Amino acid sequence: MPTPRAVSEETTLVARVERALWTGLHDDRPATYFLMADVEGCARLSGPEAEANAPDNRFELRWATAEDLNPLGLRPPDAGHHVAEMLRR
């Protein structure tokens, strides 16, 4: 699981990682989605993700409900469905 330091470095947020929601493969690498709790701050992309952000390689921080996930185009493609199901539990 990401450490509070990693969360802060990548998003500028201070948060507690409550639990992993789902892990799948994206480009043959693990892609994991986490449920965050006790979140403080204003989310801003930072670190390597901010440097790599480009029209063809997009990183976006966004608050979303389970119903918001499918239209977002998350990667891997089935992530939205799996994460939404875990959030509803």
PDB file of N, CA and C in Angstrom:
ATOM      1  N   MET A   1       0.838  -1.184   0.000  1.00  0.00           N
ATOM      2  CA  MET A   1       0.000   0.000   0.000  1.00  0.00           C
ATOM      3  C   MET A   1       0.881   1.245   0.000  1.00  0.00           C
ATOM      4  N   PRO A   2       0.385   2.322  -0.599  1.00  0.00           N
ATOM      5  CA  PRO A   2       1.188   3.539  -0.601  1.00  0.00           C
ATOM      6  C   PRO A   2       1.306   4.098   0.809  1.00  0.00           C
ATOM      7  N   THR A   3       2.428   4.672   1.082  1.00  0.00           N
ATOM      8  CA  THR A   3       2.644   5.302   2.385  1.00  0.00           C
ATOM      9  C   THR A   3       2.064   6.713   2.360  1.00  0.00           C
ATOM     10  N   PRO A   4       1.797   7.290   3.538  1.00  0.00           N
ATOM     11  CA  PRO A   4       1.348   8.686   3.555  1.00  0.00           C
ATOM     12  C   PRO A   4       2.314   9.607   2.812  1.00  0.00           C
ATOM     13  N   ARG A   5       3.611   9.314   2.874  1.00  0.00           N
ATOM     14  CA  ARG A   5       4.602  10.130   2.164  1.00  0.00           C
ATOM     15  C   ARG A   5       4.398  10.032   0.650  1.00  0.00           C
ATOM     16  N   ALA A   6       4.172   8.816   0.142  1.00  0.00           N
ATOM     17  CA  ALA A   6       3.953   8.635  -1.294  1.00  0.00           C
ATOM     18  C   ALA A   6       2.685   9.350  -1.743  1.00  0.00           C
ATOM     19  N   VAL A   7       1.633   9.265  -0.964  1.00  0.00           N
ATOM     20  CA  VAL A   7       0.391   9.966  -1.302  1.00  0.00           C
ATOM     21  C   VAL A   7       0.661  11.459  -1.392  1.00  0.00           C
ATOM     22  N   SER A   8       1.370  12.000  -0.424  1.00  0.00           N
ATOM     23  CA  SER A   8       1.680  13.428  -0.407  1.00  0.00           C
ATOM     24  C   SER A   8       2.557  13.829  -1.583  1.00  0.00           C
ATOM     25  N   GLU A   9       3.561  13.011  -1.904  1.00  0.00           N
ATOM     26  CA  GLU A   9       4.465  13.335  -3.009  1.00  0.00           C
ATOM     27  C   GLU A   9       3.759  13.342  -4.355  1.00  0.00           C
ATOM     28  N   GLU A  10       2.796  12.447  -4.556  1.00  0.00           N
ATOM     29  CA  GLU A  10       2.136  12.332  -5.851  1.00  0.00           C
ATOM     30  C   GLU A  10       0.914  13.218  -5.999  1.00  0.00           C
ATOM     31  N   THR A  11       0.271  13.579  -4.870  1.00  0.00           N
ATOM     32  CA  THR A  11      -0.996  14.313  -4.956  1.00  0.00           C
ATOM     33  C   THR A  11      -1.025  15.599  -4.147  1.00  0.00           C
ATOM     34  N   THR A  12      -0.063  15.855  -3.308  1.00  0.00           N
ATOM     35  CA  THR A  12       0.016  16.952  -2.343  1.00  0.00           C
ATOM     36  C   THR A  12      -1.030  16.835  -1.245  1.00  0.00           C
ATOM     37  N   LEU A  13      -1.713  15.709  -1.143  1.00  0.00           N
ATOM     38  CA  LEU A  13      -2.704  15.488  -0.087  1.00  0.00           C
ATOM     39  C   LEU A  13      -2.077  14.779   1.102  1.00  0.00           C
ATOM     40  N   VAL A  14      -2.656  14.996   2.260  1.00  0.00           N
ATOM     41  CA  VAL A  14      -2.334  14.209   3.445  1.00  0.00           C
ATOM     42  C   VAL A  14      -3.545  13.312   3.661  1.00  0.00           C
ATOM     43  N   ALA A  15      -3.330  12.006   3.713  1.00  0.00           N
ATOM     44  CA  ALA A  15      -4.447  11.080   3.817  1.00  0.00           C
ATOM     45  C   ALA A  15      -4.008   9.760   4.415  1.00  0.00           C
ATOM     46  N   ARG A  16      -4.984   9.034   4.874  1.00  0.00           N
ATOM     47  CA  ARG A  16      -4.765   7.683   5.372  1.00  0.00           C
ATOM     48  C   ARG A  16      -5.311   6.725   4.315  1.00  0.00           C
ATOM     49  N   VAL A  17      -4.505   5.742   3.942  1.00  0.00           N
ATOM     50  CA  VAL A  17      -4.964   4.720   3.004  1.00  0.00           C
ATOM     51  C   VAL A  17      -5.754   3.709   3.819  1.00  0.00           C
ATOM     52  N   GLU A  18      -7.063   3.673   3.566  1.00  0.00           N
ATOM     53  CA  GLU A  18      -7.910   2.767   4.336  1.00  0.00           C
ATOM     54  C   GLU A  18      -7.744   1.324   3.877  1.00  0.00           C
ATOM     55  N   ARG A  19      -7.803   1.115   2.544  1.00  0.00           N
ATOM     56  CA  ARG A  19      -7.621  -0.238   2.026  1.00  0.00           C
ATOM     57  C   ARG A  19      -7.492  -0.192   0.508  1.00  0.00           C
ATOM     58  N   ALA A  20      -6.906  -1.248  -0.023  1.00  0.00           N
ATOM     59  CA  ALA A  20      -6.870  -1.414  -1.479  1.00  0.00           C
ATOM     60  C   ALA A  20      -8.251  -1.862  -1.921  1.00  0.00           C
ATOM     61  N   LEU A  21      -8.743  -1.266  -3.003  1.00  0.00           N
ATOM     62  CA  LEU A  21     -10.050  -1.655  -3.529  1.00  0.00           C
ATOM     63  C   LEU A  21      -9.929  -2.727  -4.598  1.00  0.00           C
ATOM     64  N   TRP A  22      -8.942  -2.578  -5.472  1.00  0.00           N
ATOM     65  CA  TRP A  22      -8.830  -3.513  -6.597  1.00  0.00           C
ATOM     66  C   TRP A  22      -7.463  -3.361  -7.237  1.00  0.00           C
ATOM     67  N   THR A  23      -6.913  -4.473  -7.719  1.00  0.00           N
ATOM     68  CA  THR A  23      -5.661  -4.463  -8.472  1.00  0.00           C
ATOM     69  C   THR A  23      -5.856  -5.269  -9.756  1.00  0.00           C
ATOM     70  N   GLY A  24      -5.448  -4.693 -10.864  1.00  0.00           N
ATOM     71  CA  GLY A  24      -5.489  -5.368 -12.150  1.00  0.00           C
ATOM     72  C   GLY A  24      -4.217  -5.035 -12.903  1.00  0.00           C
ATOM     73  N   LEU A  25      -4.153  -5.422 -14.152  1.00  0.00           N
ATOM     74  CA  LEU A  25      -2.967  -5.141 -14.956  1.00  0.00           C
ATOM     75  C   LEU A  25      -3.257  -4.057 -15.981  1.00  0.00           C
ATOM     76  N   HIS A  26      -2.318  -3.140 -16.115  1.00  0.00           N
ATOM     77  CA  HIS A  26      -2.367  -2.102 -17.144  1.00  0.00           C
ATOM     78  C   HIS A  26      -0.998  -2.087 -17.809  1.00  0.00           C
ATOM     79  N   ASP A  27      -0.957  -2.385 -19.099  1.00  0.00           N
ATOM     80  CA  ASP A  27       0.316  -2.497 -19.821  1.00  0.00           C
ATOM     81  C   ASP A  27       1.254  -3.474 -19.127  1.00  0.00           C
ATOM     82  N   ASP A  28       0.699  -4.592 -18.684  1.00  0.00           N
ATOM     83  CA  ASP A  28       1.447  -5.662 -18.013  1.00  0.00           C
ATOM     84  C   ASP A  28       2.072  -5.250 -16.685  1.00  0.00           C
ATOM     85  N   ARG A  29       1.578  -4.156 -16.111  1.00  0.00           N
ATOM     86  CA  ARG A  29       2.051  -3.731 -14.787  1.00  0.00           C
ATOM     87  C   ARG A  29       0.848  -3.630 -13.855  1.00  0.00           C
ATOM     88  N   PRO A  30       1.049  -3.900 -12.555  1.00  0.00           N
ATOM     89  CA  PRO A  30      -0.076  -3.780 -11.626  1.00  0.00           C
ATOM     90  C   PRO A  30      -0.582  -2.336 -11.552  1.00  0.00           C
ATOM     91  N   ALA A  31      -1.892  -2.202 -11.552  1.00  0.00           N
ATOM     92  CA  ALA A  31      -2.555  -0.913 -11.354  1.00  0.00           C
ATOM     93  C   ALA A  31      -3.493  -1.103 -10.164  1.00  0.00           C
ATOM     94  N   THR A  32      -3.287  -0.374  -9.092  1.00  0.00           N
ATOM     95  CA  THR A  32      -4.070  -0.558  -7.874  1.00  0.00           C
ATOM     96  C   THR A  32      -4.828   0.715  -7.536  1.00  0.00           C
ATOM     97  N   TYR A  33      -6.077   0.536  -7.128  1.00  0.00           N
ATOM     98  CA  TYR A  33      -6.941   1.640  -6.706  1.00  0.00           C
ATOM     99  C   TYR A  33      -7.182   1.501  -5.211  1.00  0.00           C
ATOM    100  N   PHE A  34      -7.083   2.632  -4.492  1.00  0.00           N
ATOM    101  CA  PHE A  34      -7.171   2.630  -3.036  1.00  0.00           C
ATOM    102  C   PHE A  34      -8.315   3.494  -2.546  1.00  0.00           C
ATOM    103  N   LEU A  35      -8.885   3.122  -1.399  1.00  0.00           N
ATOM    104  CA  LEU A  35      -9.863   3.944  -0.708  1.00  0.00           C
ATOM    105  C   LEU A  35      -9.096   4.794   0.300  1.00  0.00           C
ATOM    106  N   MET A  36      -9.242   6.113   0.196  1.00  0.00           N
ATOM    107  CA  MET A  36      -8.539   7.039   1.075  1.00  0.00           C
ATOM    108  C   MET A  36      -9.501   7.565   2.136  1.00  0.00           C
ATOM    109  N   ALA A  37      -8.982   7.854   3.319  1.00  0.00           N
ATOM    110  CA  ALA A  37      -9.784   8.402   4.405  1.00  0.00           C
ATOM    111  C   ALA A  37      -9.003   9.533   5.066  1.00  0.00           C
ATOM    112  N   ASP A  38      -9.719  10.359   5.805  1.00  0.00           N
ATOM    113  CA  ASP A  38      -9.095  11.466   6.547  1.00  0.00           C
ATOM    114  C   ASP A  38      -8.232  12.327   5.623  1.00  0.00           C
ATOM    115  N   VAL A  39      -8.773  12.680   4.477  1.00  0.00           N
ATOM    116  CA  VAL A  39      -8.030  13.424   3.462  1.00  0.00           C
ATOM    117  C   VAL A  39      -8.018  14.909   3.795  1.00  0.00           C
ATOM    118  N   GLU A  40      -6.847  15.511   3.714  1.00  0.00           N
ATOM    119  CA  GLU A  40      -6.685  16.949   3.934  1.00  0.00           C
ATOM    120  C   GLU A  40      -5.868  17.544   2.805  1.00  0.00           C
ATOM    121  N   GLY A  41      -6.211  18.765   2.424  1.00  0.00           N
ATOM    122  CA  GLY A  41      -5.433  19.481   1.421  1.00  0.00           C
ATOM    123  C   GLY A  41      -6.199  19.654   0.129  1.00  0.00           C
ATOM    124  N   CYS A  42      -5.516  20.234  -0.835  1.00  0.00           N
ATOM    125  CA  CYS A  42      -6.067  20.464  -2.160  1.00  0.00           C
ATOM    126  C   CYS A  42      -5.253  19.615  -3.137  1.00  0.00           C
ATOM    127  N   ALA A  43      -5.918  18.710  -3.828  1.00  0.00           N
ATOM    128  CA  ALA A  43      -5.206  17.776  -4.714  1.00  0.00           C
ATOM    129  C   ALA A  43      -4.585  18.509  -5.896  1.00  0.00           C
ATOM    130  N   ARG A  44      -3.279  18.281  -6.077  1.00  0.00           N
ATOM    131  CA  ARG A  44      -2.549  18.798  -7.236  1.00  0.00           C
ATOM    132  C   ARG A  44      -1.588  17.706  -7.676  1.00  0.00           C
ATOM    133  N   LEU A  45      -1.528  17.457  -8.941  1.00  0.00           N
ATOM    134  CA  LEU A  45      -0.608  16.468  -9.481  1.00  0.00           C
ATOM    135  C   LEU A  45       0.819  16.963  -9.301  1.00  0.00           C
ATOM    136  N   SER A  46       1.685  16.084  -8.820  1.00  0.00           N
ATOM    137  CA  SER A  46       3.080  16.472  -8.608  1.00  0.00           C
ATOM    138  C   SER A  46       3.984  15.271  -8.848  1.00  0.00           C
ATOM    139  N   GLY A  47       5.263  15.480  -8.716  1.00  0.00           N
ATOM    140  CA  GLY A  47       6.232  14.399  -8.871  1.00  0.00           C
ATOM    141  C   GLY A  47       6.343  13.923 -10.309  1.00  0.00           C
ATOM    142  N   PRO A  48       6.765  12.656 -10.495  1.00  0.00           N
ATOM    143  CA  PRO A  48       6.961  12.113 -11.841  1.00  0.00           C
ATOM    144  C   PRO A  48       5.689  12.131 -12.683  1.00  0.00           C
ATOM    145  N   GLU A  49       4.527  11.967 -12.035  1.00  0.00           N
ATOM    146  CA  GLU A  49       3.274  11.981 -12.789  1.00  0.00           C
ATOM    147  C   GLU A  49       3.032  13.350 -13.420  1.00  0.00           C
ATOM    148  N   ALA A  50       3.333  14.413 -12.697  1.00  0.00           N
ATOM    149  CA  ALA A  50       3.163  15.764 -13.250  1.00  0.00           C
ATOM    150  C   ALA A  50       4.122  15.991 -14.421  1.00  0.00           C
ATOM    151  N   GLU A  51       5.346  15.500 -14.291  1.00  0.00           N
ATOM    152  CA  GLU A  51       6.333  15.669 -15.361  1.00  0.00           C
ATOM    153  C   GLU A  51       5.958  14.881 -16.614  1.00  0.00           C
ATOM    154  N   ALA A  52       5.343  13.716 -16.437  1.00  0.00           N
ATOM    155  CA  ALA A  52       4.986  12.859 -17.574  1.00  0.00           C
ATOM    156  C   ALA A  52       3.621  13.208 -18.163  1.00  0.00           C
ATOM    157  N   ASN A  53       2.886  14.098 -17.506  1.00  0.00           N
ATOM    158  CA  ASN A  53       1.545  14.446 -17.970  1.00  0.00           C
ATOM    159  C   ASN A  53       1.616  15.123 -19.336  1.00  0.00           C
ATOM    160  N   ALA A  54       0.882  14.566 -20.312  1.00  0.00           N
ATOM    161  CA  ALA A  54       0.875  15.077 -21.686  1.00  0.00           C
ATOM    162  C   ALA A  54      -0.442  14.666 -22.335  1.00  0.00           C
ATOM    163  N   PRO A  55      -0.782  15.254 -23.470  1.00  0.00           N
ATOM    164  CA  PRO A  55      -2.044  14.896 -24.119  1.00  0.00           C
ATOM    165  C   PRO A  55      -2.196  13.398 -24.396  1.00  0.00           C
ATOM    166  N   ASP A  56      -1.088  12.694 -24.652  1.00  0.00           N
ATOM    167  CA  ASP A  56      -1.181  11.264 -24.929  1.00  0.00           C
ATOM    168  C   ASP A  56      -0.831  10.392 -23.720  1.00  0.00           C
ATOM    169  N   ASN A  57      -0.605  10.992 -22.570  1.00  0.00           N
ATOM    170  CA  ASN A  57      -0.264  10.271 -21.344  1.00  0.00           C
ATOM    171  C   ASN A  57      -0.812  11.099 -20.180  1.00  0.00           C
ATOM    172  N   ARG A  58      -2.095  10.988 -19.950  1.00  0.00           N
ATOM    173  CA  ARG A  58      -2.780  11.910 -19.056  1.00  0.00           C
ATOM    174  C   ARG A  58      -2.978  11.358 -17.656  1.00  0.00           C
ATOM    175  N   PHE A  59      -2.615  12.155 -16.672  1.00  0.00           N
ATOM    176  CA  PHE A  59      -2.873  11.865 -15.277  1.00  0.00           C
ATOM    177  C   PHE A  59      -3.829  12.939 -14.778  1.00  0.00           C
ATOM    178  N   GLU A  60      -4.870  12.518 -14.068  1.00  0.00           N
ATOM    179  CA  GLU A  60      -5.847  13.495 -13.584  1.00  0.00           C
ATOM    180  C   GLU A  60      -6.313  13.088 -12.201  1.00  0.00           C
ATOM    181  N   LEU A  61      -6.225  14.023 -11.257  1.00  0.00           N
ATOM    182  CA  LEU A  61      -6.741  13.786  -9.914  1.00  0.00           C
ATOM    183  C   LEU A  61      -8.195  14.210  -9.898  1.00  0.00           C
ATOM    184  N   ARG A  62      -9.054  13.333  -9.414  1.00  0.00           N
ATOM    185  CA  ARG A  62     -10.480  13.654  -9.426  1.00  0.00           C
ATOM    186  C   ARG A  62     -11.179  12.899  -8.303  1.00  0.00           C
ATOM    187  N   TRP A  63     -12.065  13.590  -7.599  1.00  0.00           N
ATOM    188  CA  TRP A  63     -12.929  12.932  -6.625  1.00  0.00           C
ATOM    189  C   TRP A  63     -14.081  12.325  -7.402  1.00  0.00           C
ATOM    190  N   ALA A  64     -14.425  11.084  -7.105  1.00  0.00           N
ATOM    191  CA  ALA A  64     -15.475  10.413  -7.856  1.00  0.00           C
ATOM    192  C   ALA A  64     -16.268   9.472  -6.952  1.00  0.00           C
ATOM    193  N   THR A  65     -17.554   9.375  -7.239  1.00  0.00           N
ATOM    194  CA  THR A  65     -18.399   8.386  -6.580  1.00  0.00           C
ATOM    195  C   THR A  65     -18.371   7.105  -7.419  1.00  0.00           C
ATOM    196  N   ALA A  66     -18.953   6.047  -6.898  1.00  0.00           N
ATOM    197  CA  ALA A  66     -19.015   4.786  -7.654  1.00  0.00           C
ATOM    198  C   ALA A  66     -19.707   4.988  -8.990  1.00  0.00           C
ATOM    199  N   GLU A  67     -20.730   5.822  -9.021  1.00  0.00           N
ATOM    200  CA  GLU A  67     -21.476   6.057 -10.257  1.00  0.00           C
ATOM    201  C   GLU A  67     -20.679   6.863 -11.284  1.00  0.00           C
ATOM    202  N   ASP A  68     -19.692   7.622 -10.834  1.00  0.00           N
ATOM    203  CA  ASP A  68     -18.887   8.455 -11.738  1.00  0.00           C
ATOM    204  C   ASP A  68     -17.798   7.681 -12.477  1.00  0.00           C
ATOM    205  N   LEU A  69     -17.445   6.496 -12.027  1.00  0.00           N
ATOM    206  CA  LEU A  69     -16.229   5.831 -12.495  1.00  0.00           C
ATOM    207  C   LEU A  69     -16.263   5.333 -13.933  1.00  0.00           C
ATOM    208  N   ASN A  70     -17.321   4.665 -14.355  1.00  0.00           N
ATOM    209  CA  ASN A  70     -17.316   4.063 -15.696  1.00  0.00           C
ATOM    210  C   ASN A  70     -17.066   5.054 -16.818  1.00  0.00           C
ATOM    211  N   PRO A  71     -17.651   6.268 -16.816  1.00  0.00           N
ATOM    212  CA  PRO A  71     -17.388   7.196 -17.921  1.00  0.00           C
ATOM    213  C   PRO A  71     -15.981   7.810 -17.920  1.00  0.00           C
ATOM    214  N   LEU A  72     -15.188   7.603 -16.886  1.00  0.00           N
ATOM    215  CA  LEU A  72     -13.886   8.267 -16.780  1.00  0.00           C
ATOM    216  C   LEU A  72     -12.802   7.677 -17.670  1.00  0.00           C
ATOM    217  N   GLY A  73     -12.989   6.489 -18.180  1.00  0.00           N
ATOM    218  CA  GLY A  73     -11.962   5.883 -19.031  1.00  0.00           C
ATOM    219  C   GLY A  73     -10.746   5.444 -18.241  1.00  0.00           C
ATOM    220  N   LEU A  74     -10.960   4.893 -17.050  1.00  0.00           N
ATOM    221  CA  LEU A  74      -9.848   4.424 -16.228  1.00  0.00           C
ATOM    222  C   LEU A  74      -9.113   3.291 -16.920  1.00  0.00           C
ATOM    223  N   ARG A  75      -7.862   3.109 -16.550  1.00  0.00           N
ATOM    224  CA  ARG A  75      -7.052   2.024 -17.082  1.00  0.00           C
ATOM    225  C   ARG A  75      -6.632   1.136 -15.933  1.00  0.00           C
ATOM    226  N   PRO A  76      -6.681  -0.158 -16.100  1.00  0.00           N
ATOM    227  CA  PRO A  76      -7.174  -0.900 -17.245  1.00  0.00           C
ATOM    228  C   PRO A  76      -8.673  -0.693 -17.434  1.00  0.00           C
ATOM    229  N   PRO A  77      -9.192  -1.015 -18.620  1.00  0.00           N
ATOM    230  CA  PRO A  77     -10.577  -0.701 -18.955  1.00  0.00           C
ATOM    231  C   PRO A  77     -11.634  -1.243 -17.994  1.00  0.00           C
ATOM    232  N   ASP A  78     -11.397  -2.376 -17.353  1.00  0.00           N
ATOM    233  CA  ASP A  78     -12.402  -2.916 -16.427  1.00  0.00           C
ATOM    234  C   ASP A  78     -12.265  -2.378 -15.012  1.00  0.00           C
ATOM    235  N   ALA A  79     -11.347  -1.469 -14.766  1.00  0.00           N
ATOM    236  CA  ALA A  79     -11.112  -0.939 -13.418  1.00  0.00           C
ATOM    237  C   ALA A  79     -12.346  -0.251 -12.851  1.00  0.00           C
ATOM    238  N   GLY A  80     -12.990   0.586 -13.646  1.00  0.00           N
ATOM    239  CA  GLY A  80     -14.149   1.332 -13.146  1.00  0.00           C
ATOM    240  C   GLY A  80     -15.216   0.427 -12.583  1.00  0.00           C
ATOM    241  N   HIS A  81     -15.521  -0.644 -13.280  1.00  0.00           N
ATOM    242  CA  HIS A  81     -16.541  -1.592 -12.820  1.00  0.00           C
ATOM    243  C   HIS A  81     -16.138  -2.218 -11.488  1.00  0.00           C
ATOM    244  N   HIS A  82     -14.921  -2.736 -11.405  1.00  0.00           N
ATOM    245  CA  HIS A  82     -14.457  -3.407 -10.191  1.00  0.00           C
ATOM    246  C   HIS A  82     -14.379  -2.450  -9.003  1.00  0.00           C
ATOM    247  N   VAL A  83     -13.829  -1.277  -9.203  1.00  0.00           N
ATOM    248  CA  VAL A  83     -13.701  -0.310  -8.109  1.00  0.00           C
ATOM    249  C   VAL A  83     -15.085   0.150  -7.650  1.00  0.00           C
ATOM    250  N   ALA A  84     -16.002   0.391  -8.578  1.00  0.00           N
ATOM    251  CA  ALA A  84     -17.362   0.793  -8.208  1.00  0.00           C
ATOM    252  C   ALA A  84     -18.026  -0.275  -7.341  1.00  0.00           C
ATOM    253  N   GLU A  85     -17.861  -1.532  -7.701  1.00  0.00           N
ATOM    254  CA  GLU A  85     -18.447  -2.615  -6.896  1.00  0.00           C
ATOM    255  C   GLU A  85     -17.869  -2.644  -5.485  1.00  0.00           C
ATOM    256  N   MET A  86     -16.573  -2.449  -5.373  1.00  0.00           N
ATOM    257  CA  MET A  86     -15.932  -2.447  -4.053  1.00  0.00           C
ATOM    258  C   MET A  86     -16.392  -1.253  -3.220  1.00  0.00           C
ATOM    259  N   LEU A  87     -16.567  -0.108  -3.835  1.00  0.00           N
ATOM    260  CA  LEU A  87     -17.036   1.074  -3.121  1.00  0.00           C
ATOM    261  C   LEU A  87     -18.472   0.903  -2.605  1.00  0.00           C
ATOM    262  N   ARG A  88     -19.277   0.191  -3.346  1.00  0.00           N
ATOM    263  CA  ARG A  88     -20.674  -0.019  -2.936  1.00  0.00           C
ATOM    264  C   ARG A  88     -20.801  -0.964  -1.751  1.00  0.00           C
ATOM    265  N   ARG A  89     -19.784  -1.750  -1.486  1.00  0.00           N
ATOM    266  CA  ARG A  89     -19.846  -2.728  -0.370  1.00  0.00           C
ATOM    267  C   ARG A  89     -19.703  -2.070   0.960  1.00  0.00           C
TER     268      ARG A  89
END
